[in-house]
Every structure is written in C-alpha cells, then in structure tokens.
Protein backbone atom coordinates (compact mmCIF):
# COMPACT_ATOMS: atom_id res chain seq x y z
CA MET A 1 92.85 4.81 -1.31
CA THR A 2 92.98 0.60 -1.41
CA MET A 3 90.45 -1.49 0.55
CA THR A 4 90.96 -4.97 1.42
CA VAL A 5 88.33 -7.42 0.97
CA ALA A 6 87.68 -10.98 1.98
CA ILE A 7 85.06 -13.34 0.81
CA ALA A 8 83.11 -16.19 2.75
CA GLY A 9 82.12 -18.77 0.29
CA LEU A 10 83.68 -19.91 -3.18
CA GLY A 11 80.59 -21.10 -4.92
CA ALA A 12 78.36 -19.80 -7.69
CA ILE A 13 78.66 -16.41 -6.46
CA GLY A 14 81.89 -16.10 -4.52
CA LEU A 15 84.46 -17.52 -6.86
CA PRO A 16 83.60 -15.30 -9.82
CA LEU A 17 83.66 -12.31 -7.71
CA ALA A 18 87.38 -13.44 -5.95
CA ARG A 19 88.37 -13.99 -9.56
CA ALA A 20 87.05 -10.24 -10.64
CA ILE A 21 89.15 -8.88 -8.17
CA ASP A 22 92.13 -10.50 -8.47
CA SER A 23 92.10 -9.63 -12.09
CA GLY A 24 92.41 -5.70 -11.17
CA VAL A 25 89.63 -3.75 -9.54
CA ASP A 26 90.67 -0.32 -8.96
CA GLY A 27 90.95 0.47 -4.84
CA LEU A 28 90.29 -3.18 -3.88
CA ARG A 29 92.73 -6.06 -3.14
CA LEU A 30 91.59 -9.67 -2.40
CA ILE A 31 93.18 -10.84 0.51
CA SER A 32 91.32 -13.74 2.29
CA VAL A 33 88.76 -16.17 1.50
CA ALA A 34 86.70 -19.13 3.66
CA ALA A 35 85.46 -22.13 2.04
CA ARG A 36 84.61 -25.40 3.86
CA ASP A 37 86.56 -27.57 1.43
CA HIS A 38 90.19 -26.43 1.83
CA VAL A 39 91.90 -28.59 -1.04
CA LYS A 40 88.92 -27.50 -3.73
CA ALA A 41 89.67 -23.85 -2.58
CA ARG A 42 93.41 -24.00 -3.18
CA ALA A 43 92.75 -25.79 -6.68
CA ASN A 44 90.19 -22.42 -7.57
CA LEU A 45 93.20 -20.26 -6.56
CA ALA A 46 95.58 -21.71 -8.58
CA GLY A 47 95.47 -19.32 -11.62
CA PHE A 48 95.23 -16.27 -9.33
CA ARG A 49 97.85 -13.86 -9.57
CA SER A 50 97.40 -12.73 -5.70
CA ALA A 51 96.27 -16.06 -4.07
CA PRO A 52 94.59 -14.97 -1.17
CA ARG A 53 94.90 -16.35 2.04
CA ILE A 54 92.38 -19.40 2.84
CA VAL A 55 91.06 -18.43 6.49
CA GLU A 56 88.47 -19.62 8.86
CA PHE A 57 85.27 -17.26 9.34
CA PRO A 58 86.67 -15.31 12.05
CA GLU A 59 89.68 -14.28 10.10
CA LEU A 60 88.04 -12.68 7.53
CA ALA A 61 87.50 -9.99 9.81
CA ASP A 62 90.85 -8.52 9.17
CA ALA A 63 90.03 -7.40 5.80
CA ASP A 64 88.24 -3.70 5.65
CA ILE A 65 85.18 -5.34 3.68
CA VAL A 66 84.09 -8.88 4.46
CA VAL A 67 81.55 -10.38 1.47
CA GLU A 68 79.05 -13.30 2.60
CA ALA A 69 78.68 -15.85 -0.37
CA ALA A 70 77.95 -18.69 1.74
CA PRO A 71 74.96 -21.14 3.08
CA ALA A 72 72.19 -19.17 5.03
CA SER A 73 72.69 -21.34 7.50
CA VAL A 74 76.40 -20.12 8.64
CA PHE A 75 75.68 -16.23 7.98
CA GLU A 76 75.89 -15.49 11.35
CA ARG A 77 79.38 -16.91 11.83
CA ILE A 78 80.48 -14.80 9.48
CA ALA A 79 78.58 -11.71 9.96
CA LEU A 80 79.11 -11.59 13.61
CA PRO A 81 83.00 -11.46 13.84
CA ALA A 82 83.06 -8.66 10.72
CA LEU A 83 80.35 -6.46 12.56
CA GLU A 84 82.31 -6.62 16.01
CA ALA A 85 85.38 -5.79 14.46
CA GLY A 86 83.72 -2.61 12.85
CA ARG A 87 83.85 -3.87 9.19
CA ILE A 88 81.87 -3.06 6.24
CA PHE A 89 79.84 -6.07 5.84
CA VAL A 90 78.54 -6.96 2.22
CA PRO A 91 75.93 -10.07 2.54
CA ALA A 92 74.88 -12.00 -0.56
CA SER A 93 72.09 -13.88 1.46
CA VAL A 94 70.24 -11.14 2.40
CA GLY A 95 67.06 -13.26 3.67
CA ALA A 96 69.12 -14.44 6.32
CA LEU A 97 69.55 -10.80 7.63
CA LEU A 98 65.92 -10.43 8.13
CA PRO A 99 65.20 -12.29 11.32
CA ARG A 100 68.82 -11.27 12.41
CA MET A 101 68.38 -7.33 12.68
CA HIS A 102 70.00 -7.50 16.03
CA LEU A 103 73.11 -7.53 13.80
CA ALA A 104 72.21 -3.98 12.75
CA ARG A 105 71.84 -2.73 16.37
CA LEU A 106 75.64 -4.06 16.81
CA ALA A 107 76.88 -2.49 13.50
CA LYS A 108 75.44 1.08 14.85
CA GLN A 109 77.20 0.41 18.35
CA THR A 110 80.74 -0.51 16.62
CA GLY A 111 80.60 1.92 13.71
CA ALA A 112 80.50 -1.06 11.31
CA ARG A 113 78.36 -0.91 8.38
CA ILE A 114 75.82 -3.35 6.35
CA ILE A 115 75.62 -2.79 2.66
CA VAL A 116 72.98 -4.95 0.68
CA PRO A 117 73.58 -5.42 -2.62
CA THR A 118 70.64 -5.08 -5.46
CA GLY A 119 71.58 -8.68 -6.41
CA ALA A 120 69.18 -10.25 -8.84
CA LEU A 121 67.06 -7.37 -8.61
CA LEU A 122 66.47 -3.84 -9.99
CA GLY A 123 65.13 -0.43 -9.17
CA LEU A 124 66.06 -0.19 -5.46
CA ASP A 125 66.64 3.48 -5.79
CA ALA A 126 63.02 4.17 -6.82
CA VAL A 127 61.66 1.72 -4.32
CA ARG A 128 64.18 3.46 -1.46
CA ALA A 129 62.93 7.12 -2.74
CA ALA A 130 59.07 6.16 -2.70
CA ALA A 131 59.50 5.06 0.71
CA GLU A 132 60.39 8.34 2.16
CA GLY A 133 56.98 9.10 1.82
CA PRO A 134 53.54 7.13 2.18
CA VAL A 135 53.46 3.75 0.52
CA GLU A 136 50.39 1.92 0.21
CA SER A 137 51.74 -1.57 -1.38
CA ILE A 138 54.85 -3.12 -2.50
CA THR A 139 54.40 -6.84 -4.19
CA LEU A 140 57.02 -9.04 -5.55
CA GLU A 141 56.15 -11.74 -8.24
CA THR A 142 58.85 -14.46 -8.52
CA ARG A 143 58.89 -17.14 -11.51
CA LYS A 144 61.31 -19.56 -11.25
CA PRO A 145 62.54 -23.03 -13.65
CA PRO A 146 61.12 -25.75 -11.29
CA LEU A 147 64.65 -26.91 -10.74
CA GLY A 148 65.72 -23.85 -9.44
CA LEU A 149 63.37 -23.75 -6.18
CA VAL A 150 64.14 -27.73 -5.53
CA GLY A 151 65.38 -28.16 -1.79
CA ALA A 152 63.39 -25.40 -0.60
CA PRO A 153 62.46 -25.67 2.91
CA TYR A 154 58.73 -24.45 2.59
CA LEU A 155 58.81 -27.26 -0.80
CA GLU A 156 59.71 -29.73 1.54
CA LYS A 157 57.59 -29.36 4.48
CA HIS A 158 54.56 -28.93 2.38
CA GLY A 159 55.15 -31.91 0.22
CA ILE A 160 55.31 -29.95 -3.25
CA ASP A 161 57.26 -31.63 -5.97
CA VAL A 162 57.96 -28.99 -8.70
CA LEU A 163 59.63 -31.27 -11.01
CA ASP A 164 56.45 -33.37 -11.45
CA ILE A 165 54.47 -30.08 -13.09
CA ASP A 166 53.90 -29.36 -16.81
CA ARG A 167 51.98 -25.61 -16.22
CA PRO A 168 53.27 -22.85 -14.06
CA ILE A 169 51.95 -23.30 -10.04
CA MET A 170 51.73 -20.85 -7.66
CA VAL A 171 54.10 -22.60 -4.85
CA PHE A 172 53.92 -19.94 -1.83
CA GLU A 173 52.23 -16.73 -1.17
CA GLY A 174 52.50 -14.28 1.73
CA ASN A 175 54.94 -11.77 3.09
CA ALA A 176 58.72 -11.39 2.68
CA LEU A 177 59.52 -12.76 6.25
CA ASP A 178 58.08 -15.70 5.51
CA ALA A 179 59.23 -16.12 2.04
CA ALA A 180 62.85 -15.57 2.97
CA ALA A 181 62.51 -18.21 5.57
CA GLY A 182 61.06 -20.89 3.06
CA PHE A 183 63.01 -20.31 0.54
CA PRO A 184 66.43 -19.06 1.97
CA ALA A 185 68.50 -19.64 -1.23
CA ASN A 186 65.61 -18.42 -3.48
CA VAL A 187 64.27 -15.31 -2.80
CA ASN A 188 67.17 -12.67 -1.36
CA VAL A 189 65.54 -10.59 -3.95
CA ALA A 190 62.31 -10.25 -1.56
CA ALA A 191 64.64 -9.76 1.32
CA ALA A 192 66.44 -6.77 -0.25
CA LEU A 193 62.98 -5.39 -1.56
CA ALA A 194 61.52 -5.32 1.95
CA LEU A 195 64.59 -3.61 3.11
CA ALA A 196 64.58 -1.09 0.94
CA GLY A 197 60.76 -0.49 1.10
CA ILE A 198 58.16 -0.90 3.90
CA GLY A 199 59.53 -4.18 5.56
CA PRO A 200 59.27 -7.69 5.48
CA VAL A 201 55.93 -8.09 6.81
CA ARG A 202 54.03 -5.58 4.50
CA THR A 203 55.96 -6.52 1.36
CA GLN A 204 53.76 -9.55 -0.50
CA VAL A 205 55.45 -12.14 -2.58
CA ARG A 206 54.52 -14.72 -4.81
CA ILE A 207 56.41 -17.34 -5.82
CA TRP A 208 55.75 -19.66 -9.09
CA ALA A 209 57.31 -22.67 -10.62
CA ASP A 210 57.28 -22.29 -14.08
CA PRO A 211 58.43 -25.17 -16.24
CA GLY A 212 57.89 -23.05 -19.39
CA ILE A 213 60.92 -20.63 -18.43
CA ASP A 214 64.65 -20.89 -18.58
CA ARG A 215 65.26 -17.61 -16.66
CA ASN A 216 64.54 -16.20 -12.93
CA ILE A 217 61.33 -13.48 -13.62
CA HIS A 218 61.11 -10.89 -10.94
CA THR A 219 58.23 -8.44 -11.00
CA ILE A 220 58.00 -5.29 -8.43
CA LYS A 221 54.88 -3.37 -8.56
CA VAL A 222 54.78 -0.29 -6.03
CA GLU A 223 51.91 2.17 -5.30
CA ALA A 224 52.78 5.02 -3.68
CA GLU A 225 52.06 8.73 -2.61
CA ALA A 226 54.94 9.77 -5.04
CA ALA A 227 54.54 7.45 -7.84
CA ARG A 228 53.13 4.02 -9.11
CA PHE A 229 55.78 1.86 -11.11
CA THR A 230 55.97 -1.89 -12.19
CA MET A 231 59.55 -3.50 -13.00
CA THR A 232 60.13 -6.77 -14.47
CA ILE A 233 63.69 -8.25 -15.00
CA GLU A 234 64.77 -11.56 -16.58
CA ASN A 235 67.78 -13.00 -14.99
CA VAL A 236 69.78 -16.11 -16.67
CA PRO A 237 70.53 -18.53 -13.91
CA SER A 238 73.84 -19.33 -13.04
CA PRO A 239 75.07 -22.69 -14.71
CA GLU A 240 77.03 -23.65 -11.28
CA ASN A 241 73.61 -23.04 -9.40
CA PRO A 242 70.47 -22.38 -10.79
CA LYS A 243 68.65 -21.07 -7.80
CA THR A 244 70.83 -17.81 -8.21
CA GLY A 245 71.09 -15.61 -11.14
CA LYS A 246 74.52 -14.57 -12.95
CA LEU A 247 73.59 -11.01 -12.13
CA THR A 248 73.93 -11.63 -8.29
CA THR A 249 77.75 -11.52 -8.93
CA LEU A 250 77.92 -8.63 -11.21
CA SER A 251 75.70 -6.64 -8.47
CA LEU A 252 78.29 -7.46 -5.57
CA LEU A 253 80.78 -6.95 -7.91
CA ALA A 254 79.33 -3.05 -9.10
CA CYS A 255 78.55 -2.79 -5.24
CA LEU A 256 82.29 -3.12 -4.13
CA ARG A 257 83.32 -0.68 -6.97
CA GLY A 258 81.17 1.78 -5.43
CA LEU A 259 82.63 1.84 -1.77
CA THR A 260 86.03 3.30 -3.35
CA SER A 261 84.50 4.73 -6.59
CA THR A 262 85.36 8.79 -7.14
CA LEU A 263 82.23 8.61 -9.10
CA LYS A 264 78.94 6.82 -7.85
CA VAL A 265 75.88 7.16 -9.87
CA GLY A 266 72.80 6.17 -7.61
CA SER A 267 71.01 7.70 -4.32
C-alpha cells in the first residue's frame, strides 16, 4: 500500500525531506507542498522526478500524511485541516504542540493521529518505557553555538546578546513549557522529551550558549524506578539553518518509513 505525503515548508528540513521522498521511498509518494514563496518553491522542485503540486495549507490535508516543517507561527494553520480530515500529522515544530494540546483531543474525535518524530534527540524509546512506571526527574541540558540561538524570543525579551560572549553562559533554566515558548526554533527536543516522559511542567531544561563548540549538544538525564540513565548526542547544525540539525530531517524520514514498513524496530 502506498501512502501519500504532503509537506508544509521547503526550508532546511522540508526541502531535503521532499527530495528524499521524490528519490524513492517504498510505500510513500509526495503529492503536494506548501511554501510562502511559490516562485522559489517552483525553482526548488524543478529537478524532481515527479514534482508535487504547490498548494495552500488547507489543501495539504488531501494527503494521507501531512508533515509540518514550517515556522511555528503557522503551526495551527497546518495542523487543524489535517486533523479535521483524520490524517496522520507529523510535526517538526514539536514545541508549538505543547500549548495546543486541544489538537490531540481533536485528533481523538476525528480518528487522526499525531506522530512526534524523535528529531535531533535520542533515546525516546527508553524515556517512554521508563515513564510507564514512577519517574523522579527528567532533565535536558542543551548547548548550542551562539549563532544557533540568535533571534530567540526569550533572549530578545531579556536583552541577552549571545554573539558577544567569549565563554559558555547559561541563558535559560526552567521547565520545558517555558523553554519551548522562549526558544521555538531551538528546543523542539525539549518538547519531544516532555511528551515522551513526564510532561512539560516537570521536565527541566537548561540552555547554554557556548562559543567553543560547533555542534548542537543535548544531554538527557533520567531518574526513574526502573532505570537511571544519561544520554548525550552531538548534532551537526544544518548549513541552511544553524538553529536546527541535519539529524532532524533524517529523523522525519525514518519516522515516515516506519509508517509503511513491514518491519519496525523500536517500541
């Protein structure tokens, strides 16, 4: 069975994902994309074997699977039509989902599904398993090169200039809900971790700007009844957008493959 795919956004995440599906992924067919600049979108799609239609957000819901890879500001304009139509919705901007859990209730009513990819993180299977029992704490420490944090609403609100530092500084400490609001383009990992584990209020987050690194480094620490574990991943930033990592697109692709694969590894 072949499932049709639509992608919202043709930036650092959406365009490589579209190219990968167009190149050939068993069980998947890209039929439409949405982008703000249609002229640029047509140029980006020019070399595709089977160019998808360029549509507006509501029309993406014609596909079986709708992937959101757009600015968080338009998240609900993409999600609502897909969920109302009972589609599978795969968000890259997971942080935008946290304050919109009414979308999960809508999905339950319509028979839609919201599938959150692992993204630039690791070990969400272990976190989800541990959360089936008592969990004392889950913390996430994120370290990013300063350029990857520029423009975050939290930094602008507090007048924090991360480009003028010569040593690591912690720019945020709080829960995942506040982290996602203050750094919507940076810590979708915190949102995914919170949803897999003990929720956005109990999940604690620390964010560092570190001029001495060239990768996005995430460290998860879990204290649970069933296990205690620490995991660290170092992601190469995307050359098109240093706020996200190369692994994010690959994670979305792996997630989509899992929807049609006859053999799926991981709980």
